Structure formats: C-alpha cells, structure tokens
C-alpha cells in the first residue's frame, strides 16, 4: 500500500505501521494513529510543500511527547 506520494514520508509511515501504528485512508488525507489511539496525525496523500517531511517529523515528535506525557 502506498501511503503518501513523498518517498521519505511514505517510508517513515511504513516503519510506523510495522511498529503497531494504524493508518486509515481518506480521499485526500490519511489518518495515522499510534498504538495508544491518541493523538491522531493527518497525512496528506500528495503534499505540495517542500517542507512536508520536516513538518511531518515535527508533528510526529509532538504526538510522541503527548503519548509519553513528557
């Protein structure tokens, strides 16, 4: 399954899914959910921003901090 048209974001999502994260496909965006179920990250299927990878990593760090309570 292809999650995102950006190769690096797609690779990162594949790693997360193999670690137990969930992914639900939408028409324009996907939803990435950690094993705990909260918070959910929105992922564009075809990001046009050149900083999409950096923004996704930032959102991922923020979600992991929220999950760990740090």
PDB file of N, CA and C in Angstrom:
ATOM      1  N   UNK A   1       0.850  -1.170   0.000  1.00  0.00           N
ATOM      2  CA  UNK A   1       0.000   0.000   0.000  1.00  0.00           C
ATOM      3  C   UNK A   1       0.900   1.239   0.000  1.00  0.00           C
ATOM      4  N   UNK A   2       0.548   2.209  -0.799  1.00  0.00           N
ATOM      5  CA  UNK A   2       1.290   3.460  -0.828  1.00  0.00           C
ATOM      6  C   UNK A   2       0.527   4.460   0.037  1.00  0.00           C
ATOM      7  N   UNK A   3       1.214   5.037   1.010  1.00  0.00           N
ATOM      8  CA  UNK A   3       0.579   5.941   1.962  1.00  0.00           C
ATOM      9  C   UNK A   3       0.658   7.395   1.521  1.00  0.00           C
ATOM     10  N   UNK A   4       1.758   7.770   0.874  1.00  0.00           N
ATOM     11  CA  UNK A   4       1.990   9.167   0.520  1.00  0.00           C
ATOM     12  C   UNK A   4       2.849   9.207  -0.734  1.00  0.00           C
ATOM     13  N   UNK A   5       2.679  10.235  -1.563  1.00  0.00           N
ATOM     14  CA  UNK A   5       3.478  10.342  -2.785  1.00  0.00           C
ATOM     15  C   UNK A   5       4.911  10.774  -2.492  1.00  0.00           C
ATOM     16  N   UNK A   6       5.169  11.360  -1.329  1.00  0.00           N
ATOM     17  CA  UNK A   6       6.522  11.730  -0.922  1.00  0.00           C
ATOM     18  C   UNK A   6       7.225  10.468  -0.429  1.00  0.00           C
ATOM     19  N   UNK A   7       8.342  10.112  -1.068  1.00  0.00           N
ATOM     20  CA  UNK A   7       9.020   8.843  -0.767  1.00  0.00           C
ATOM     21  C   UNK A   7       9.475   8.746   0.681  1.00  0.00           C
ATOM     22  N   UNK A   8      10.031   9.832   1.229  1.00  0.00           N
ATOM     23  CA  UNK A   8      10.546   9.787   2.597  1.00  0.00           C
ATOM     24  C   UNK A   8       9.413   9.670   3.608  1.00  0.00           C
ATOM     25  N   UNK A   9       8.338  10.420   3.391  1.00  0.00           N
ATOM     26  CA  UNK A   9       7.182  10.337   4.297  1.00  0.00           C
ATOM     27  C   UNK A   9       6.573   8.938   4.213  1.00  0.00           C
ATOM     28  N   UNK A  10       6.460   8.410   3.004  1.00  0.00           N
ATOM     29  CA  UNK A  10       5.908   7.068   2.823  1.00  0.00           C
ATOM     30  C   UNK A  10       6.755   6.031   3.561  1.00  0.00           C
ATOM     31  N   UNK A  11       8.067   6.144   3.457  1.00  0.00           N
ATOM     32  CA  UNK A  11       8.970   5.209   4.136  1.00  0.00           C
ATOM     33  C   UNK A  11       8.796   5.294   5.653  1.00  0.00           C
ATOM     34  N   UNK A  12       8.677   6.520   6.172  1.00  0.00           N
ATOM     35  CA  UNK A  12       8.507   6.711   7.612  1.00  0.00           C
ATOM     36  C   UNK A  12       7.175   6.132   8.095  1.00  0.00           C
ATOM     37  N   UNK A  13       6.123   6.326   7.323  1.00  0.00           N
ATOM     38  CA  UNK A  13       4.813   5.773   7.692  1.00  0.00           C
ATOM     39  C   UNK A  13       4.871   4.249   7.678  1.00  0.00           C
ATOM     40  N   UNK A  14       5.550   3.656   6.692  1.00  0.00           N
ATOM     41  CA  UNK A  14       5.689   2.193   6.647  1.00  0.00           C
ATOM     42  C   UNK A  14       6.380   1.672   7.902  1.00  0.00           C
ATOM     43  N   UNK A  15       7.420   2.365   8.354  1.00  0.00           N
ATOM     44  CA  UNK A  15       8.114   1.960   9.574  1.00  0.00           C
ATOM     45  C   UNK A  15       7.175   2.030  10.778  1.00  0.00           C
ATOM     46  N   UNK A  16       6.390   3.115  10.864  1.00  0.00           N
ATOM     47  CA  UNK A  16       5.470   3.270  11.993  1.00  0.00           C
ATOM     48  C   UNK A  16       4.387   2.195  11.978  1.00  0.00           C
ATOM     49  N   UNK A  17       3.849   1.891  10.811  1.00  0.00           N
ATOM     50  CA  UNK A  17       2.811   0.853  10.708  1.00  0.00           C
ATOM     51  C   UNK A  17       3.376  -0.498  11.126  1.00  0.00           C
ATOM     52  N   UNK A  18       4.625  -0.769  10.778  1.00  0.00           N
ATOM     53  CA  UNK A  18       5.228  -2.046  11.182  1.00  0.00           C
ATOM     54  C   UNK A  18       5.472  -2.105  12.689  1.00  0.00           C
ATOM     55  N   UNK A  19       5.501  -0.929  13.343  1.00  0.00           N
ATOM     56  CA  UNK A  19       5.688  -0.867  14.795  1.00  0.00           C
ATOM     57  C   UNK A  19       4.358  -0.860  15.551  1.00  0.00           C
ATOM     58  N   UNK A  20       3.246  -0.995  14.840  1.00  0.00           N
ATOM     59  CA  UNK A  20       1.958  -1.096  15.510  1.00  0.00           C
ATOM     60  C   UNK A  20       1.050   0.110  15.349  1.00  0.00           C
ATOM     61  N   UNK A  21       1.497   1.136  14.631  1.00  0.00           N
ATOM     62  CA  UNK A  21       0.641   2.290  14.377  1.00  0.00           C
ATOM     63  C   UNK A  21      -0.425   1.900  13.370  1.00  0.00           C
ATOM     64  N   UNK A  22      -1.570   2.567  13.430  1.00  0.00           N
ATOM     65  CA  UNK A  22      -2.655   2.303  12.485  1.00  0.00           C
ATOM     66  C   UNK A  22      -2.725   3.384  11.423  1.00  0.00           C
ATOM     67  N   UNK A  23      -3.251   3.049  10.255  1.00  0.00           N
ATOM     68  CA  UNK A  23      -3.410   4.016   9.178  1.00  0.00           C
ATOM     69  C   UNK A  23      -4.754   3.797   8.520  1.00  0.00           C
ATOM     70  N   UNK A  24      -5.535   4.876   8.398  1.00  0.00           N
ATOM     71  CA  UNK A  24      -6.815   4.836   7.689  1.00  0.00           C
ATOM     72  C   UNK A  24      -6.721   5.779   6.505  1.00  0.00           C
ATOM     73  N   UNK A  25      -7.102   5.298   5.360  1.00  0.00           N
ATOM     74  CA  UNK A  25      -7.032   6.081   4.135  1.00  0.00           C
ATOM     75  C   UNK A  25      -8.303   6.907   3.969  1.00  0.00           C
ATOM     76  N   UNK A  26      -8.118   8.157   3.547  1.00  0.00           N
ATOM     77  CA  UNK A  26      -9.230   9.027   3.207  1.00  0.00           C
ATOM     78  C   UNK A  26      -9.117   9.425   1.752  1.00  0.00           C
ATOM     79  N   UNK A  27      -9.987  10.312   1.284  1.00  0.00           N
ATOM     80  CA  UNK A  27      -9.940  10.698  -0.116  1.00  0.00           C
ATOM     81  C   UNK A  27      -8.739  11.586  -0.417  1.00  0.00           C
ATOM     82  N   UNK A  28      -8.411  12.532   0.470  1.00  0.00           N
ATOM     83  CA  UNK A  28      -7.272  13.422   0.258  1.00  0.00           C
ATOM     84  C   UNK A  28      -6.213  13.296   1.344  1.00  0.00           C
ATOM     85  N   UNK A  29      -6.613  12.816   2.500  1.00  0.00           N
ATOM     86  CA  UNK A  29      -5.693  12.707   3.623  1.00  0.00           C
ATOM     87  C   UNK A  29      -5.853  11.344   4.289  1.00  0.00           C
ATOM     88  N   UNK A  30      -4.776  10.896   4.906  1.00  0.00           N
ATOM     89  CA  UNK A  30      -4.822   9.669   5.687  1.00  0.00           C
ATOM     90  C   UNK A  30      -4.739  10.018   7.166  1.00  0.00           C
ATOM     91  N   UNK A  31      -5.101   9.084   8.013  1.00  0.00           N
ATOM     92  CA  UNK A  31      -5.034   9.275   9.461  1.00  0.00           C
ATOM     93  C   UNK A  31      -4.089   8.244  10.039  1.00  0.00           C
ATOM     94  N   UNK A  32      -3.065   8.731  10.733  1.00  0.00           N
ATOM     95  CA  UNK A  32      -2.068   7.874  11.362  1.00  0.00           C
ATOM     96  C   UNK A  32      -2.317   7.895  12.861  1.00  0.00           C
ATOM     97  N   UNK A  33      -2.511   6.725  13.450  1.00  0.00           N
ATOM     98  CA  UNK A  33      -2.865   6.622  14.858  1.00  0.00           C
ATOM     99  C   UNK A  33      -1.835   5.770  15.593  1.00  0.00           C
ATOM    100  N   UNK A  34      -1.289   6.284  16.708  1.00  0.00           N
ATOM    101  CA  UNK A  34      -0.328   5.488  17.477  1.00  0.00           C
ATOM    102  C   UNK A  34      -1.021   4.311  18.162  1.00  0.00           C
ATOM    103  N   UNK A  35      -0.258   3.352  18.660  1.00  0.00           N
ATOM    104  CA  UNK A  35      -0.861   2.186  19.321  1.00  0.00           C
ATOM    105  C   UNK A  35      -1.773   2.554  20.491  1.00  0.00           C
ATOM    106  N   UNK A  36      -1.494   3.679  21.154  1.00  0.00           N
ATOM    107  CA  UNK A  36      -2.335   4.098  22.275  1.00  0.00           C
ATOM    108  C   UNK A  36      -3.682   4.649  21.808  1.00  0.00           C
ATOM    109  N   UNK A  37      -3.792   5.015  20.527  1.00  0.00           N
ATOM    110  CA  UNK A  37      -5.047   5.525  19.996  1.00  0.00           C
ATOM    111  C   UNK A  37      -5.181   7.032  20.008  1.00  0.00           C
ATOM    112  N   UNK A  38      -4.257   7.719  20.632  1.00  0.00           N
ATOM    113  CA  UNK A  38      -4.331   9.172  20.700  1.00  0.00           C
ATOM    114  C   UNK A  38      -2.944   9.762  20.721  1.00  0.00           C
ATOM    115  N   UNK A  39      -2.632  10.856  20.115  1.00  0.00           N
ATOM    116  CA  UNK A  39      -3.416  11.667  19.179  1.00  0.00           C
ATOM    117  C   UNK A  39      -3.307  11.128  17.760  1.00  0.00           C
ATOM    118  N   UNK A  40      -4.207  11.534  16.910  1.00  0.00           N
ATOM    119  CA  UNK A  40      -4.207  11.129  15.509  1.00  0.00           C
ATOM    120  C   UNK A  40      -3.503  12.185  14.675  1.00  0.00           C
ATOM    121  N   UNK A  41      -2.655  11.746  13.753  1.00  0.00           N
ATOM    122  CA  UNK A  41      -1.961  12.652  12.845  1.00  0.00           C
ATOM    123  C   UNK A  41      -2.609  12.594  11.471  1.00  0.00           C
ATOM    124  N   UNK A  42      -2.779  13.741  10.840  1.00  0.00           N
ATOM    125  CA  UNK A  42      -3.306  13.815   9.488  1.00  0.00           C
ATOM    126  C   UNK A  42      -2.142  13.867   8.511  1.00  0.00           C
ATOM    127  N   UNK A  43      -2.204  13.033   7.483  1.00  0.00           N
ATOM    128  CA  UNK A  43      -1.130  12.944   6.497  1.00  0.00           C
ATOM    129  C   UNK A  43      -1.719  13.184   5.111  1.00  0.00           C
ATOM    130  N   UNK A  44      -1.178  14.154   4.395  1.00  0.00           N
ATOM    131  CA  UNK A  44      -1.618  14.425   3.037  1.00  0.00           C
ATOM    132  C   UNK A  44      -1.144  13.315   2.113  1.00  0.00           C
ATOM    133  N   UNK A  45      -1.998  12.900   1.186  1.00  0.00           N
ATOM    134  CA  UNK A  45      -1.605  11.843   0.246  1.00  0.00           C
ATOM    135  C   UNK A  45      -0.654  12.362  -0.819  1.00  0.00           C
ATOM    136  N   UNK A  46      -0.730  13.667  -1.109  1.00  0.00           N
ATOM    137  CA  UNK A  46       0.173  14.250  -2.104  1.00  0.00           C
ATOM    138  C   UNK A  46       0.597  15.648  -1.632  1.00  0.00           C
ATOM    139  N   UNK A  47       1.539  15.707  -0.697  1.00  0.00           N
ATOM    140  CA  UNK A  47       1.955  17.003  -0.168  1.00  0.00           C
ATOM    141  C   UNK A  47       2.666  17.839  -1.234  1.00  0.00           C
ATOM    142  N   UNK A  48       2.340  19.136  -1.276  1.00  0.00           N
ATOM    143  CA  UNK A  48       2.955  20.020  -2.262  1.00  0.00           C
ATOM    144  C   UNK A  48       4.028  20.898  -1.636  1.00  0.00           C
ATOM    145  N   UNK A  49       4.101  20.908  -0.329  1.00  0.00           N
ATOM    146  CA  UNK A  49       5.067  21.735   0.376  1.00  0.00           C
ATOM    147  C   UNK A  49       6.434  21.057   0.379  1.00  0.00           C
ATOM    148  N   UNK A  50       7.480  21.823   0.086  1.00  0.00           N
ATOM    149  CA  UNK A  50       8.830  21.246   0.070  1.00  0.00           C
ATOM    150  C   UNK A  50       9.292  20.867   1.473  1.00  0.00           C
ATOM    151  N   UNK A  51       8.630  21.387   2.501  1.00  0.00           N
ATOM    152  CA  UNK A  51       8.993  21.075   3.884  1.00  0.00           C
ATOM    153  C   UNK A  51       8.067  20.020   4.495  1.00  0.00           C
ATOM    154  N   UNK A  52       7.372  19.271   3.666  1.00  0.00           N
ATOM    155  CA  UNK A  52       6.395  18.307   4.192  1.00  0.00           C
ATOM    156  C   UNK A  52       7.048  17.251   5.082  1.00  0.00           C
ATOM    157  N   UNK A  53       8.236  16.792   4.730  1.00  0.00           N
ATOM    158  CA  UNK A  53       8.914  15.795   5.556  1.00  0.00           C
ATOM    159  C   UNK A  53       9.281  16.382   6.918  1.00  0.00           C
ATOM    160  N   UNK A  54       9.841  17.579   6.935  1.00  0.00           N
ATOM    161  CA  UNK A  54      10.211  18.223   8.196  1.00  0.00           C
ATOM    162  C   UNK A  54       8.971  18.482   9.051  1.00  0.00           C
ATOM    163  N   UNK A  55       7.896  18.925   8.428  1.00  0.00           N
ATOM    164  CA  UNK A  55       6.664  19.184   9.172  1.00  0.00           C
ATOM    165  C   UNK A  55       6.079  17.887   9.733  1.00  0.00           C
ATOM    166  N   UNK A  56       6.141  16.811   8.960  1.00  0.00           N
ATOM    167  CA  UNK A  56       5.623  15.532   9.430  1.00  0.00           C
ATOM    168  C   UNK A  56       6.440  15.026  10.609  1.00  0.00           C
ATOM    169  N   UNK A  57       7.763  15.140  10.518  1.00  0.00           N
ATOM    170  CA  UNK A  57       8.612  14.723  11.642  1.00  0.00           C
ATOM    171  C   UNK A  57       8.325  15.550  12.890  1.00  0.00           C
ATOM    172  N   UNK A  58       8.108  16.849  12.734  1.00  0.00           N
ATOM    173  CA  UNK A  58       7.773  17.712  13.867  1.00  0.00           C
ATOM    174  C   UNK A  58       6.456  17.260  14.497  1.00  0.00           C
ATOM    175  N   UNK A  59       5.445  17.008  13.675  1.00  0.00           N
ATOM    176  CA  UNK A  59       4.152  16.555  14.185  1.00  0.00           C
ATOM    177  C   UNK A  59       4.281  15.205  14.881  1.00  0.00           C
ATOM    178  N   UNK A  60       5.119  14.341  14.342  1.00  0.00           N
ATOM    179  CA  UNK A  60       5.339  13.029  14.935  1.00  0.00           C
ATOM    180  C   UNK A  60       5.996  13.145  16.298  1.00  0.00           C
ATOM    181  N   UNK A  61       7.012  14.005  16.413  1.00  0.00           N
ATOM    182  CA  UNK A  61       7.662  14.234  17.718  1.00  0.00           C
ATOM    183  C   UNK A  61       6.660  14.792  18.714  1.00  0.00           C
ATOM    184  N   UNK A  62       5.836  15.712  18.287  1.00  0.00           N
ATOM    185  CA  UNK A  62       4.834  16.307  19.163  1.00  0.00           C
ATOM    186  C   UNK A  62       3.834  15.248  19.630  1.00  0.00           C
ATOM    187  N   UNK A  63       3.431  14.367  18.739  1.00  0.00           N
ATOM    188  CA  UNK A  63       2.479  13.311  19.105  1.00  0.00           C
ATOM    189  C   UNK A  63       3.114  12.326  20.075  1.00  0.00           C
ATOM    190  N   UNK A  64       4.380  12.000  19.873  1.00  0.00           N
ATOM    191  CA  UNK A  64       5.048  11.051  20.766  1.00  0.00           C
ATOM    192  C   UNK A  64       5.260  11.659  22.141  1.00  0.00           C
ATOM    193  N   UNK A  65       5.496  12.959  22.216  1.00  0.00           N
ATOM    194  CA  UNK A  65       5.615  13.628  23.511  1.00  0.00           C
ATOM    195  C   UNK A  65       4.278  13.589  24.225  1.00  0.00           C
ATOM    196  N   UNK A  66       3.198  13.819  23.472  1.00  0.00           N
ATOM    197  CA  UNK A  66       1.867  13.769  24.060  1.00  0.00           C
ATOM    198  C   UNK A  66       1.507  12.390  24.565  1.00  0.00           C
ATOM    199  N   UNK A  67       1.945  11.365  23.865  1.00  0.00           N
ATOM    200  CA  UNK A  67       1.660   9.980  24.263  1.00  0.00           C
ATOM    201  C   UNK A  67       2.461   9.623  25.511  1.00  0.00           C
ATOM    202  N   UNK A  68       3.726  10.021  25.543  1.00  0.00           N
ATOM    203  CA  UNK A  68       4.591   9.677  26.676  1.00  0.00           C
ATOM    204  C   UNK A  68       4.382  10.575  27.866  1.00  0.00           C
ATOM    205  N   UNK A  69       3.696  11.696  27.698  1.00  0.00           N
ATOM    206  CA  UNK A  69       3.437  12.604  28.815  1.00  0.00           C
ATOM    207  C   UNK A  69       4.629  13.414  29.234  1.00  0.00           C
ATOM    208  N   UNK A  70       5.594  13.566  28.362  1.00  0.00           N
ATOM    209  CA  UNK A  70       6.806  14.322  28.701  1.00  0.00           C
ATOM    210  C   UNK A  70       6.618  15.792  28.424  1.00  0.00           C
TER     211      UNK A  70
END
